[in-house]
Amino acid sequence: MSNYQPEKVAQIYDSLQDQGETSILIDQYHLGYWDETNPNASITEAANRLTEIMIGKVTIQQGERFCDLGCGVGMPGIQLAQATGCFVDGITISQSQQEKAQQLAAEAGLSEQTKFILGDALAMPCEDATYDGGWFLESIFHIGHRQALQEASRILKPGAILVIADLPAKPTMTEEFKALCEEHSHSFIISKEDYPELLDQAGFDLIEIDDVTEFVITPLVPNMKIACQQHESEFLKYLNSDQMKDWLKLDQNRRGIEYVEDEAINYWIQMLQDMSDNLGYALVTAQKRA
């Protein structure tokens, strides 16, 4: 069972949002997807591609209700509403993210079709069986898989499709890396082999576990290096913000290296390489049992 601490997750994302991470990622607050159709895509374009793939996995229809659990700044949900005509409710623990999501929805002319809630994804302010579909897009590991799936089961209608984008452990993941994730980013890592039992216990039938590590994790570091070269000053400003500097300093301290601000990009690339060595990427699709 995870030691979910929503106030600490909120602190992380409020800090990152205030420092402008999403200005770099153009409001797609998640990783990217590179394959033979977009091998030279920027991180922004690749992040949009991942959103499109997520949208392709849901079965939501015009006029139906969809829940984005851990919605970040809301852009994937906004794009889903645009693409399908459904109504999207997103929930985030971060006030800064909620405000940004509302702004983006207004700019897209979708304020009436979307709603972004400030609150805990384990305590959705809705009745049982409210939603026709939902997803966790790189959020479930902050919440804790077992508890998150139980709440998703409560709020989804029988037959609803749930899609999960997660970073499961590679077989080579070290205990040190797992502990660092829990301590510093409040992320709780499981194996993709854990999903069948967790979904079954929560009242879902597993449809598919699509391991897309080779399209998300493998290309991440090379493409992030390119992005850092193209936007060096912006990345340095972001990486020397309080939250990121704390993470980078902790990481360098454990390596026995003194932190130097001008080397922040190299430190961050090193952290991303550690992530790539230890984590995969999976898209999990399940259906709420009738």
Protein backbone atom coordinates (compact mmCIF):
# COMPACT_ATOMS: atom_id res chain seq x y z
CA MET A 1 0.00 0.00 0.00
CA SER A 2 1.33 3.46 -0.88
CA ASN A 3 1.85 6.23 1.62
CA TYR A 4 -0.09 8.75 -0.47
CA GLN A 5 0.44 12.31 0.75
CA PRO A 6 -1.67 14.62 -1.43
CA GLU A 7 -0.39 17.79 0.19
CA LYS A 8 3.18 16.93 -0.79
CA VAL A 9 2.18 16.07 -4.35
CA ALA A 10 0.36 19.42 -4.50
CA GLN A 11 3.47 21.21 -3.28
CA ILE A 12 5.59 19.62 -6.01
CA TYR A 13 3.25 20.52 -8.85
CA ASP A 14 2.40 24.00 -7.58
CA SER A 15 6.13 24.72 -7.47
CA LEU A 16 6.79 23.29 -10.94
CA GLN A 17 3.81 25.10 -12.45
CA ASP A 18 4.88 28.41 -10.91
CA GLN A 19 8.33 27.96 -12.47
CA GLY A 20 6.90 27.47 -15.92
CA GLU A 21 7.65 23.85 -16.83
CA THR A 22 4.61 23.76 -19.06
CA SER A 23 5.85 26.76 -21.04
CA ILE A 24 8.58 24.40 -22.26
CA LEU A 25 6.21 21.52 -22.92
CA ILE A 26 3.46 23.74 -24.33
CA ASP A 27 0.91 22.54 -21.79
CA GLN A 28 1.32 18.80 -22.35
CA TYR A 29 2.43 17.77 -18.87
CA HIS A 30 3.56 14.26 -19.75
CA LEU A 31 6.12 12.30 -21.76
CA GLY A 32 6.19 11.93 -25.52
CA TYR A 33 5.74 9.12 -28.06
CA TRP A 34 8.15 8.62 -30.96
CA ASP A 35 7.76 5.91 -33.62
CA GLU A 36 8.35 5.49 -37.35
CA THR A 37 5.68 8.12 -38.10
CA ASN A 38 7.38 10.91 -36.10
CA PRO A 39 11.02 9.96 -35.43
CA ASN A 40 12.19 13.59 -35.50
CA ALA A 41 9.33 15.08 -33.49
CA SER A 42 10.02 17.70 -30.84
CA ILE A 43 9.13 16.87 -27.25
CA THR A 44 6.00 19.00 -27.67
CA GLU A 45 4.93 17.18 -30.83
CA ALA A 46 5.68 13.80 -29.27
CA ALA A 47 3.65 14.68 -26.18
CA ASN A 48 0.73 15.60 -28.42
CA ARG A 49 1.13 12.25 -30.17
CA LEU A 50 0.83 10.42 -26.85
CA THR A 51 -2.35 12.35 -26.09
CA GLU A 52 -3.75 11.31 -29.48
CA ILE A 53 -2.94 7.67 -28.74
CA MET A 54 -4.72 7.90 -25.38
CA ILE A 55 -7.75 9.44 -27.07
CA GLY A 56 -7.72 6.59 -29.57
CA LYS A 57 -7.99 4.04 -26.77
CA VAL A 58 -11.13 5.45 -25.15
CA THR A 59 -14.64 4.76 -26.41
CA ILE A 60 -16.33 7.90 -25.12
CA GLN A 61 -19.11 9.39 -27.25
CA GLN A 62 -20.55 12.85 -27.78
CA GLY A 63 -22.54 13.99 -24.77
CA GLU A 64 -21.13 11.36 -22.41
CA ARG A 65 -19.16 12.17 -19.25
CA PHE A 66 -15.45 11.42 -18.85
CA CYS A 67 -13.14 11.79 -15.86
CA ASP A 68 -9.45 12.74 -16.08
CA LEU A 69 -8.02 11.56 -12.76
CA GLY A 70 -4.94 13.61 -11.98
CA CYS A 71 -5.50 15.97 -14.90
CA GLY A 72 -2.47 18.23 -14.56
CA VAL A 73 -3.02 21.43 -16.54
CA GLY A 74 -5.90 19.81 -18.39
CA MET A 75 -4.77 19.86 -22.03
CA PRO A 76 -5.28 16.13 -22.75
CA GLY A 77 -8.82 16.36 -21.39
CA ILE A 78 -9.47 19.50 -23.40
CA GLN A 79 -8.26 17.75 -26.55
CA LEU A 80 -10.49 14.77 -25.75
CA ALA A 81 -13.50 17.08 -25.40
CA GLN A 82 -12.63 18.70 -28.73
CA ALA A 83 -12.16 15.37 -30.49
CA THR A 84 -15.26 13.56 -29.22
CA GLY A 85 -17.77 16.11 -28.00
CA CYS A 86 -17.86 14.51 -24.55
CA PHE A 87 -17.97 16.39 -21.24
CA VAL A 88 -14.73 16.16 -19.27
CA ASP A 89 -14.24 16.58 -15.54
CA GLY A 90 -10.61 16.74 -14.47
CA ILE A 91 -9.31 16.66 -10.92
CA THR A 92 -5.94 17.87 -9.69
CA ILE A 93 -4.45 18.35 -6.24
CA SER A 94 -2.60 21.47 -7.44
CA GLN A 95 -4.33 24.85 -7.37
CA SER A 96 -1.85 26.27 -9.90
CA GLN A 97 -2.65 23.43 -12.29
CA GLN A 98 -6.39 23.89 -11.80
CA GLU A 99 -6.13 27.59 -12.64
CA LYS A 100 -4.01 26.86 -15.72
CA ALA A 101 -6.48 24.19 -16.88
CA GLN A 102 -9.39 26.60 -16.56
CA GLN A 103 -7.45 29.19 -18.54
CA LEU A 104 -6.63 26.72 -21.32
CA ALA A 105 -10.24 25.55 -21.50
CA ALA A 106 -11.44 29.14 -21.81
CA GLU A 107 -8.91 29.83 -24.57
CA ALA A 108 -10.20 26.75 -26.42
CA GLY A 109 -13.82 27.86 -25.99
CA LEU A 110 -14.59 24.74 -23.94
CA SER A 111 -15.35 26.12 -20.48
CA GLU A 112 -18.92 24.80 -20.72
CA GLN A 113 -17.76 21.35 -21.82
CA THR A 114 -14.99 20.91 -19.25
CA LYS A 115 -14.68 21.31 -15.50
CA PHE A 116 -11.47 21.22 -13.50
CA ILE A 117 -11.78 20.37 -9.84
CA LEU A 118 -9.29 21.12 -7.07
CA GLY A 119 -9.31 18.03 -4.89
CA ASP A 120 -8.16 14.52 -4.09
CA ALA A 121 -8.54 11.88 -6.80
CA LEU A 122 -9.26 9.34 -4.05
CA ALA A 123 -12.35 11.32 -3.01
CA MET A 124 -14.07 12.39 -6.21
CA PRO A 125 -17.01 14.71 -5.44
CA CYS A 126 -19.56 12.66 -7.35
CA GLU A 127 -22.07 9.87 -6.98
CA ASP A 128 -21.25 6.25 -7.73
CA ALA A 129 -21.39 5.25 -11.42
CA THR A 130 -21.26 8.84 -12.68
CA TYR A 131 -18.83 8.59 -15.60
CA ASP A 132 -18.91 6.79 -18.96
CA GLY A 133 -15.10 6.61 -19.16
CA GLY A 134 -11.90 7.78 -17.53
CA TRP A 135 -8.12 7.75 -17.52
CA PHE A 136 -5.03 8.17 -15.40
CA LEU A 137 -2.37 9.83 -17.57
CA GLU A 138 0.91 9.54 -15.63
CA SER A 139 -0.87 10.20 -12.34
CA ILE A 140 -1.71 6.83 -10.81
CA PHE A 141 1.78 6.31 -9.38
CA HIS A 142 1.39 9.42 -7.20
CA ILE A 143 -1.91 8.20 -5.79
CA GLY A 144 -1.28 4.51 -5.22
CA HIS A 145 -2.56 1.93 -7.67
CA ARG A 146 -4.84 -0.10 -5.43
CA GLN A 147 -6.66 2.86 -3.92
CA ALA A 148 -6.84 4.73 -7.22
CA LEU A 149 -8.39 1.78 -9.03
CA GLN A 150 -10.95 1.30 -6.26
CA GLU A 151 -12.06 4.93 -6.59
CA ALA A 152 -12.14 4.68 -10.39
CA SER A 153 -14.34 1.61 -10.06
CA ARG A 154 -16.71 3.53 -7.80
CA ILE A 155 -17.19 6.50 -10.10
CA LEU A 156 -17.33 4.66 -13.45
CA LYS A 157 -20.48 3.13 -14.88
CA PRO A 158 -20.60 -0.61 -15.60
CA GLY A 159 -19.04 -1.22 -19.00
CA ALA A 160 -17.00 1.99 -18.91
CA ILE A 161 -13.47 1.92 -20.32
CA LEU A 162 -10.52 3.00 -18.16
CA VAL A 163 -7.14 3.78 -19.74
CA ILE A 164 -3.95 4.11 -17.69
CA ALA A 165 -0.60 5.52 -18.80
CA ASP A 166 1.93 4.33 -16.24
CA LEU A 167 5.67 3.94 -15.74
CA PRO A 168 6.08 0.39 -14.39
CA ALA A 169 9.30 -1.08 -13.07
CA LYS A 170 11.72 -2.72 -15.45
CA PRO A 171 13.05 -6.07 -14.19
CA THR A 172 16.36 -4.28 -13.64
CA MET A 173 14.94 -1.60 -11.33
CA THR A 174 17.05 -1.18 -8.21
CA GLU A 175 15.71 -0.86 -4.68
CA GLU A 176 17.67 2.40 -4.38
CA PHE A 177 15.83 3.90 -7.34
CA LYS A 178 12.45 2.75 -6.02
CA ALA A 179 13.18 4.36 -2.65
CA LEU A 180 14.27 7.60 -4.33
CA CYS A 181 10.99 7.74 -6.27
CA GLU A 182 8.95 7.32 -3.12
CA GLU A 183 10.96 9.79 -1.05
CA HIS A 184 11.59 12.61 -3.50
CA SER A 185 8.73 12.56 -6.02
CA HIS A 186 6.11 10.64 -4.02
CA SER A 187 5.83 8.07 -6.81
CA PHE A 188 4.97 4.46 -6.03
CA ILE A 189 6.22 2.04 -8.66
CA ILE A 190 4.71 -1.34 -9.49
CA SER A 191 5.39 -3.94 -12.18
CA LYS A 192 3.07 -4.25 -15.16
CA GLU A 193 2.61 -7.87 -14.07
CA ASP A 194 0.79 -6.53 -10.99
CA TYR A 195 -2.01 -5.05 -13.07
CA PRO A 196 -4.20 -8.12 -13.75
CA GLU A 197 -4.73 -8.83 -10.06
CA LEU A 198 -5.13 -5.17 -9.07
CA LEU A 199 -7.71 -4.57 -11.78
CA ASP A 200 -9.61 -7.74 -10.97
CA GLN A 201 -9.78 -6.85 -7.28
CA ALA A 202 -11.13 -3.40 -8.16
CA GLY A 203 -13.87 -4.79 -10.40
CA PHE A 204 -12.28 -4.36 -13.83
CA ASP A 205 -11.66 -6.80 -16.67
CA LEU A 206 -8.25 -6.32 -18.25
CA ILE A 207 -8.43 -5.70 -22.00
CA GLU A 208 -4.81 -4.96 -22.86
CA ILE A 209 -1.40 -4.05 -21.48
CA ASP A 210 0.44 -2.32 -24.30
CA ASP A 211 4.15 -2.03 -23.47
CA VAL A 212 5.33 1.05 -25.37
CA THR A 213 8.67 1.49 -23.62
CA GLU A 214 10.53 1.52 -26.94
CA PHE A 215 8.43 4.46 -28.15
CA VAL A 216 8.39 6.56 -24.96
CA ILE A 217 11.29 5.74 -22.66
CA THR A 218 13.99 4.63 -25.11
CA PRO A 219 13.89 7.85 -27.20
CA LEU A 220 13.42 10.14 -24.18
CA VAL A 221 17.01 11.05 -23.33
CA PRO A 222 18.22 11.63 -26.92
CA ASN A 223 15.25 13.87 -27.67
CA MET A 224 15.48 15.72 -24.37
CA LYS A 225 19.14 16.49 -25.11
CA ILE A 226 18.05 18.09 -28.38
CA ALA A 227 15.34 20.10 -26.61
CA CYS A 228 17.83 21.32 -24.00
CA GLN A 229 20.21 22.48 -26.73
CA GLN A 230 17.42 24.34 -28.51
CA HIS A 231 15.98 25.94 -25.35
CA GLU A 232 19.04 26.08 -23.08
CA SER A 233 18.26 29.31 -21.23
CA GLU A 234 14.66 28.31 -20.56
CA PHE A 235 15.67 24.89 -19.28
CA LEU A 236 18.38 26.37 -17.05
CA LYS A 237 15.85 28.74 -15.51
CA TYR A 238 13.44 25.87 -14.88
CA LEU A 239 16.08 23.47 -13.56
CA ASN A 240 17.41 26.08 -11.14
CA SER A 241 13.96 26.68 -9.67
CA ASP A 242 13.60 25.69 -6.02
CA GLN A 243 11.88 22.34 -6.56
CA MET A 244 14.09 21.13 -9.37
CA LYS A 245 17.27 22.39 -7.73
CA ASP A 246 16.39 20.45 -4.58
CA TRP A 247 15.92 17.25 -6.60
CA LEU A 248 19.12 17.75 -8.56
CA LYS A 249 21.14 18.54 -5.44
CA LEU A 250 19.85 15.43 -3.68
CA ASP A 251 20.71 13.33 -6.71
CA GLN A 252 24.21 14.75 -6.98
CA ASN A 253 24.80 14.39 -3.24
CA ARG A 254 24.05 10.68 -3.41
CA ARG A 255 26.62 10.44 -6.20
CA GLY A 256 29.16 12.38 -4.14
CA ILE A 257 29.22 15.30 -6.58
CA GLU A 258 29.09 18.97 -5.61
CA TYR A 259 26.20 20.82 -7.27
CA VAL A 260 27.11 23.51 -9.81
CA GLU A 261 24.23 25.55 -11.27
CA ASP A 262 25.74 25.77 -14.76
CA GLU A 263 25.76 21.96 -14.93
CA ALA A 264 22.03 21.64 -14.14
CA ILE A 265 21.12 20.37 -17.60
CA ASN A 266 23.74 17.62 -17.46
CA TYR A 267 22.52 16.61 -14.00
CA TRP A 268 18.93 16.45 -15.25
CA ILE A 269 19.85 14.35 -18.27
CA GLN A 270 21.61 12.01 -15.86
CA MET A 271 18.43 11.75 -13.78
CA LEU A 272 16.39 11.02 -16.90
CA GLN A 273 18.88 8.32 -17.88
CA ASP A 274 18.42 6.74 -14.44
CA MET A 275 14.67 6.81 -15.01
CA SER A 276 15.10 5.21 -18.43
CA ASP A 277 17.29 2.48 -16.95
CA ASN A 278 14.74 1.63 -14.26
CA LEU A 279 11.26 2.32 -15.66
CA GLY A 280 9.24 1.27 -18.66
CA TYR A 281 6.01 2.69 -20.09
CA ALA A 282 2.69 0.90 -20.43
CA LEU A 283 -0.77 1.79 -21.66
CA VAL A 284 -3.31 -0.31 -19.78
CA THR A 285 -6.92 -0.64 -20.95
CA ALA A 286 -9.63 -2.16 -18.77
CA GLN A 287 -13.41 -2.31 -18.57
CA LYS A 288 -15.58 -1.86 -15.49
CA ARG A 289 -17.49 -5.08 -14.92
CA ALA A 290 -21.26 -5.01 -15.15
